[in-house]
PDB file of all heavy atoms in Angstrom:
ATOM      1  N   GLY A   1      -5.765  -4.546  14.787  1.00  0.00           N
ATOM      2  CA  GLY A   1      -6.606  -5.710  14.498  1.00  0.00           C
ATOM      3  C   GLY A   1      -5.875  -7.022  14.576  1.00  0.00           C
ATOM      4  O   GLY A   1      -6.467  -8.063  14.847  1.00  0.00           O
ATOM      5  N   ARG A   2      -4.571  -7.023  14.319  1.00  0.00           N
ATOM      6  CA  ARG A   2      -3.740  -8.228  14.341  1.00  0.00           C
ATOM      7  C   ARG A   2      -4.279  -9.341  13.450  1.00  0.00           C
ATOM      8  O   ARG A   2      -4.195 -10.510  13.778  1.00  0.00           O
ATOM      9  CB  ARG A   2      -3.583  -8.764  15.773  1.00  0.00           C
ATOM     10  CG  ARG A   2      -2.856  -7.787  16.674  1.00  0.00           C
ATOM     11  CD  ARG A   2      -2.697  -8.339  18.061  1.00  0.00           C
ATOM     12  NE  ARG A   2      -2.149  -7.330  18.934  1.00  0.00           N
ATOM     13  CZ  ARG A   2      -1.063  -7.475  19.653  1.00  0.00           C
ATOM     14  NH1 ARG A   2      -0.402  -8.599  19.612  1.00  0.00           N
ATOM     15  NH2 ARG A   2      -0.634  -6.511  20.423  1.00  0.00           N
ATOM     16  N   ARG A   3      -4.839  -8.937  12.312  1.00  0.00           N
ATOM     17  CA  ARG A   3      -5.295  -9.935  11.340  1.00  0.00           C
ATOM     18  C   ARG A   3      -4.516  -9.723  10.054  1.00  0.00           C
ATOM     19  O   ARG A   3      -4.412  -8.579   9.568  1.00  0.00           O
ATOM     20  CB  ARG A   3      -6.800  -9.798  11.067  1.00  0.00           C
ATOM     21  CG  ARG A   3      -7.646 -10.269  12.254  1.00  0.00           C
ATOM     22  CD  ARG A   3      -9.091 -10.432  11.877  1.00  0.00           C
ATOM     23  NE  ARG A   3      -9.646  -9.196  11.314  1.00  0.00           N
ATOM     24  CZ  ARG A   3     -10.890  -8.809  11.481  1.00  0.00           C
ATOM     25  NH1 ARG A   3     -11.720  -9.530  12.184  1.00  0.00           N
ATOM     26  NH2 ARG A   3     -11.324  -7.701  10.936  1.00  0.00           N
ATOM     27  N   PRO A   4      -3.956 -10.777   9.452  1.00  0.00           N
ATOM     28  CA  PRO A   4      -3.127 -10.632   8.245  1.00  0.00           C
ATOM     29  C   PRO A   4      -3.846  -9.920   7.094  1.00  0.00           C
ATOM     30  O   PRO A   4      -3.231  -9.166   6.353  1.00  0.00           O
ATOM     31  CB  PRO A   4      -2.784 -12.074   7.867  1.00  0.00           C
ATOM     32  CG  PRO A   4      -2.901 -12.832   9.150  1.00  0.00           C
ATOM     33  CD  PRO A   4      -3.993 -12.163   9.948  1.00  0.00           C
ATOM     34  N   ALA A   5      -5.141 -10.164   6.931  1.00  0.00           N
ATOM     35  CA  ALA A   5      -5.889  -9.568   5.818  1.00  0.00           C
ATOM     36  C   ALA A   5      -5.897  -8.047   5.892  1.00  0.00           C
ATOM     37  O   ALA A   5      -6.017  -7.372   4.871  1.00  0.00           O
ATOM     38  CB  ALA A   5      -7.316 -10.100   5.810  1.00  0.00           C
ATOM     39  N   ARG A   6      -5.729  -7.503   7.095  1.00  0.00           N
ATOM     40  CA  ARG A   6      -5.751  -6.045   7.251  1.00  0.00           C
ATOM     41  C   ARG A   6      -4.490  -5.386   6.694  1.00  0.00           C
ATOM     42  O   ARG A   6      -4.450  -4.170   6.539  1.00  0.00           O
ATOM     43  CB  ARG A   6      -5.910  -5.675   8.723  1.00  0.00           C
ATOM     44  CG  ARG A   6      -7.313  -5.934   9.239  1.00  0.00           C
ATOM     45  CD  ARG A   6      -7.554  -5.174  10.500  1.00  0.00           C
ATOM     46  NE  ARG A   6      -8.935  -5.287  10.929  1.00  0.00           N
ATOM     47  CZ  ARG A   6      -9.492  -4.530  11.848  1.00  0.00           C
ATOM     48  NH1 ARG A   6      -8.771  -3.603  12.437  1.00  0.00           N
ATOM     49  NH2 ARG A   6     -10.739  -4.685  12.188  1.00  0.00           N
ATOM     50  N   TRP A   7      -3.468  -6.180   6.410  1.00  0.00           N
ATOM     51  CA  TRP A   7      -2.238  -5.621   5.861  1.00  0.00           C
ATOM     52  C   TRP A   7      -2.345  -5.380   4.347  1.00  0.00           C
ATOM     53  O   TRP A   7      -1.581  -4.605   3.779  1.00  0.00           O
ATOM     54  CB  TRP A   7      -1.049  -6.544   6.141  1.00  0.00           C
ATOM     55  CG  TRP A   7      -0.603  -6.459   7.576  1.00  0.00           C
ATOM     56  CD1 TRP A   7      -0.949  -7.295   8.595  1.00  0.00           C
ATOM     57  CD2 TRP A   7       0.242  -5.454   8.138  1.00  0.00           C
ATOM     58  NE1 TRP A   7      -0.373  -6.887   9.773  1.00  0.00           N
ATOM     59  CE2 TRP A   7       0.365  -5.759   9.519  1.00  0.00           C
ATOM     60  CE3 TRP A   7       0.897  -4.343   7.627  1.00  0.00           C
ATOM     61  CZ2 TRP A   7       1.125  -4.988  10.383  1.00  0.00           C
ATOM     62  CZ3 TRP A   7       1.661  -3.570   8.489  1.00  0.00           C
ATOM     63  CH2 TRP A   7       1.766  -3.895   9.850  1.00  0.00           C
ATOM     64  N   LEU A   8      -3.296  -6.038   3.676  1.00  0.00           N
ATOM     65  CA  LEU A   8      -3.410  -5.911   2.224  1.00  0.00           C
ATOM     66  C   LEU A   8      -3.686  -4.470   1.771  1.00  0.00           C
ATOM     67  O   LEU A   8      -3.019  -3.984   0.855  1.00  0.00           O
ATOM     68  CB  LEU A   8      -4.492  -6.862   1.694  1.00  0.00           C
ATOM     69  CG  LEU A   8      -4.158  -8.353   1.811  1.00  0.00           C
ATOM     70  CD1 LEU A   8      -5.329  -9.211   1.363  1.00  0.00           C
ATOM     71  CD2 LEU A   8      -2.912  -8.687   0.993  1.00  0.00           C
ATOM     72  N   PRO A   9      -4.638  -3.747   2.390  1.00  0.00           N
ATOM     73  CA  PRO A   9      -4.839  -2.353   1.962  1.00  0.00           C
ATOM     74  C   PRO A   9      -3.603  -1.481   2.187  1.00  0.00           C
ATOM     75  O   PRO A   9      -3.302  -0.597   1.381  1.00  0.00           O
ATOM     76  CB  PRO A   9      -6.011  -1.873   2.832  1.00  0.00           C
ATOM     77  CG  PRO A   9      -6.714  -3.110   3.247  1.00  0.00           C
ATOM     78  CD  PRO A   9      -5.652  -4.157   3.373  1.00  0.00           C
ATOM     79  N   ALA A  10      -2.876  -1.745   3.289  1.00  0.00           N
ATOM     80  CA  ALA A  10      -1.656  -0.963   3.557  1.00  0.00           C
ATOM     81  C   ALA A  10      -0.604  -1.210   2.485  1.00  0.00           C
ATOM     82  O   ALA A  10       0.051  -0.274   2.002  1.00  0.00           O
ATOM     83  CB  ALA A  10      -1.103  -1.313   4.940  1.00  0.00           C
ATOM     84  N   VAL A  11      -0.440  -2.478   2.098  1.00  0.00           N
ATOM     85  CA  VAL A  11       0.518  -2.812   1.040  1.00  0.00           C
ATOM     86  C   VAL A  11       0.100  -2.167  -0.284  1.00  0.00           C
ATOM     87  O   VAL A  11       0.934  -1.621  -1.024  1.00  0.00           O
ATOM     88  CB  VAL A  11       0.647  -4.348   0.888  1.00  0.00           C
ATOM     89  CG1 VAL A  11       1.450  -4.706  -0.351  1.00  0.00           C
ATOM     90  CG2 VAL A  11       1.276  -4.944   2.136  1.00  0.00           C
ATOM     91  N   ALA A  12      -1.207  -2.192  -0.587  1.00  0.00           N
ATOM     92  CA  ALA A  12      -1.712  -1.566  -1.813  1.00  0.00           C
ATOM     93  C   ALA A  12      -1.442  -0.062  -1.800  1.00  0.00           C
ATOM     94  O   ALA A  12      -1.046   0.521  -2.815  1.00  0.00           O
ATOM     95  CB  ALA A  12      -3.204  -1.845  -1.971  1.00  0.00           C
ATOM     96  N   ALA A  13      -1.640   0.580  -0.649  1.00  0.00           N
ATOM     97  CA  ALA A  13      -1.406   2.027  -0.532  1.00  0.00           C
ATOM     98  C   ALA A  13       0.075   2.355  -0.725  1.00  0.00           C
ATOM     99  O   ALA A  13       0.414   3.375  -1.336  1.00  0.00           O
ATOM    100  CB  ALA A  13      -1.905   2.539   0.817  1.00  0.00           C
ATOM    101  N   VAL A  14       0.968   1.494  -0.227  1.00  0.00           N
ATOM    102  CA  VAL A  14       2.409   1.682  -0.448  1.00  0.00           C
ATOM    103  C   VAL A  14       2.705   1.609  -1.956  1.00  0.00           C
ATOM    104  O   VAL A  14       3.450   2.431  -2.502  1.00  0.00           O
ATOM    105  CB  VAL A  14       3.244   0.637   0.311  1.00  0.00           C
ATOM    106  CG1 VAL A  14       4.695   0.648  -0.148  1.00  0.00           C
ATOM    107  CG2 VAL A  14       3.164   0.884   1.812  1.00  0.00           C
ATOM    108  N   GLY A  15       2.095   0.634  -2.622  1.00  0.00           N
ATOM    109  CA  GLY A  15       2.280   0.492  -4.072  1.00  0.00           C
ATOM    110  C   GLY A  15       1.820   1.727  -4.832  1.00  0.00           C
ATOM    111  O   GLY A  15       2.500   2.196  -5.747  1.00  0.00           O
ATOM    112  N   VAL A  16       0.662   2.273  -4.439  1.00  0.00           N
ATOM    113  CA  VAL A  16       0.136   3.487  -5.079  1.00  0.00           C
ATOM    114  C   VAL A  16       1.083   4.660  -4.853  1.00  0.00           C
ATOM    115  O   VAL A  16       1.374   5.440  -5.768  1.00  0.00           O
ATOM    116  CB  VAL A  16      -1.282   3.810  -4.569  1.00  0.00           C
ATOM    117  CG1 VAL A  16      -1.723   5.197  -5.020  1.00  0.00           C
ATOM    118  CG2 VAL A  16      -2.277   2.755  -5.053  1.00  0.00           C
ATOM    119  N   ALA A  17       1.582   4.798  -3.628  1.00  0.00           N
ATOM    120  CA  ALA A  17       2.500   5.903  -3.306  1.00  0.00           C
ATOM    121  C   ALA A  17       3.774   5.813  -4.149  1.00  0.00           C
ATOM    122  O   ALA A  17       4.256   6.824  -4.675  1.00  0.00           O
ATOM    123  CB  ALA A  17       2.841   5.894  -1.818  1.00  0.00           C
ATOM    124  N   LEU A  18       4.325   4.598  -4.280  1.00  0.00           N
ATOM    125  CA  LEU A  18       5.534   4.414  -5.092  1.00  0.00           C
ATOM    126  C   LEU A  18       5.266   4.711  -6.563  1.00  0.00           C
ATOM    127  O   LEU A  18       6.081   5.347  -7.252  1.00  0.00           O
ATOM    128  CB  LEU A  18       6.069   2.987  -4.936  1.00  0.00           C
ATOM    129  CG  LEU A  18       6.638   2.644  -3.552  1.00  0.00           C
ATOM    130  CD1 LEU A  18       6.961   1.151  -3.468  1.00  0.00           C
ATOM    131  CD2 LEU A  18       7.879   3.477  -3.263  1.00  0.00           C
ATOM    132  N   TRP A  19       4.114   4.278  -7.051  1.00  0.00           N
ATOM    133  CA  TRP A  19       3.726   4.514  -8.451  1.00  0.00           C
ATOM    134  C   TRP A  19       3.598   6.006  -8.728  1.00  0.00           C
ATOM    135  O   TRP A  19       4.101   6.509  -9.736  1.00  0.00           O
ATOM    136  CB  TRP A  19       2.414   3.778  -8.714  1.00  0.00           C
ATOM    137  CG  TRP A  19       1.878   3.902 -10.104  1.00  0.00           C
ATOM    138  CD1 TRP A  19       2.429   3.411 -11.262  1.00  0.00           C
ATOM    139  CD2 TRP A  19       0.669   4.551 -10.490  1.00  0.00           C
ATOM    140  NE1 TRP A  19       1.628   3.722 -12.336  1.00  0.00           N
ATOM    141  CE2 TRP A  19       0.541   4.413 -11.887  1.00  0.00           C
ATOM    142  CE3 TRP A  19      -0.326   5.222  -9.780  1.00  0.00           C
ATOM    143  CZ2 TRP A  19      -0.541   4.921 -12.603  1.00  0.00           C
ATOM    144  CZ3 TRP A  19      -1.406   5.734 -10.483  1.00  0.00           C
ATOM    145  CH2 TRP A  19      -1.510   5.593 -11.877  1.00  0.00           C
ATOM    146  N   LEU A  20       2.946   6.729  -7.806  1.00  0.00           N
ATOM    147  CA  LEU A  20       2.808   8.178  -7.963  1.00  0.00           C
ATOM    148  C   LEU A  20       4.168   8.873  -7.886  1.00  0.00           C
ATOM    149  O   LEU A  20       4.428   9.838  -8.607  1.00  0.00           O
ATOM    150  CB  LEU A  20       1.864   8.735  -6.903  1.00  0.00           C
ATOM    151  CG  LEU A  20       0.396   8.318  -7.034  1.00  0.00           C
ATOM    152  CD1 LEU A  20      -0.388   8.724  -5.790  1.00  0.00           C
ATOM    153  CD2 LEU A  20      -0.234   8.925  -8.286  1.00  0.00           C
ATOM    154  N   GLY A  21       5.046   8.366  -7.008  1.00  0.00           N
ATOM    155  CA  GLY A  21       6.386   8.933  -6.907  1.00  0.00           C
ATOM    156  C   GLY A  21       7.165   8.778  -8.205  1.00  0.00           C
ATOM    157  O   GLY A  21       7.869   9.701  -8.637  1.00  0.00           O
ATOM    158  N   ASN A  22       7.027   7.616  -8.848  1.00  0.00           N
ATOM    159  CA  ASN A  22       7.667   7.420 -10.152  1.00  0.00           C
ATOM    160  C   ASN A  22       7.117   8.397 -11.181  1.00  0.00           C
ATOM    161  O   ASN A  22       7.861   8.930 -12.005  1.00  0.00           O
ATOM    162  CB  ASN A  22       7.476   5.978 -10.641  1.00  0.00           C
ATOM    163  CG  ASN A  22       8.394   5.011  -9.947  1.00  0.00           C
ATOM    164  OD1 ASN A  22       9.452   5.385  -9.463  1.00  0.00           O
ATOM    165  ND2 ASN A  22       7.996   3.750  -9.884  1.00  0.00           N
ATOM    166  N   GLY A  23       5.808   8.631 -11.129  1.00  0.00           N
ATOM    167  CA  GLY A  23       5.196   9.594 -12.045  1.00  0.00           C
ATOM    168  C   GLY A  23       5.744  10.991 -11.836  1.00  0.00           C
ATOM    169  O   GLY A  23       5.995  11.724 -12.797  1.00  0.00           O
ATOM    170  N   ALA A  24       5.964  11.373 -10.585  1.00  0.00           N
ATOM    171  CA  ALA A  24       6.508  12.700 -10.277  1.00  0.00           C
ATOM    172  C   ALA A  24       7.940  12.837 -10.799  1.00  0.00           C
ATOM    173  O   ALA A  24       8.398  13.950 -11.089  1.00  0.00           O
ATOM    174  CB  ALA A  24       6.464  12.957  -8.776  1.00  0.00           C
TER     175      ALA A  24
END
């Protein structure tokens, strides 16, 4: 898409993955 706004969900998903990893 080459639109900056499309990166926000990807960044949020990275945050969720890191949070879950800390929980593990």
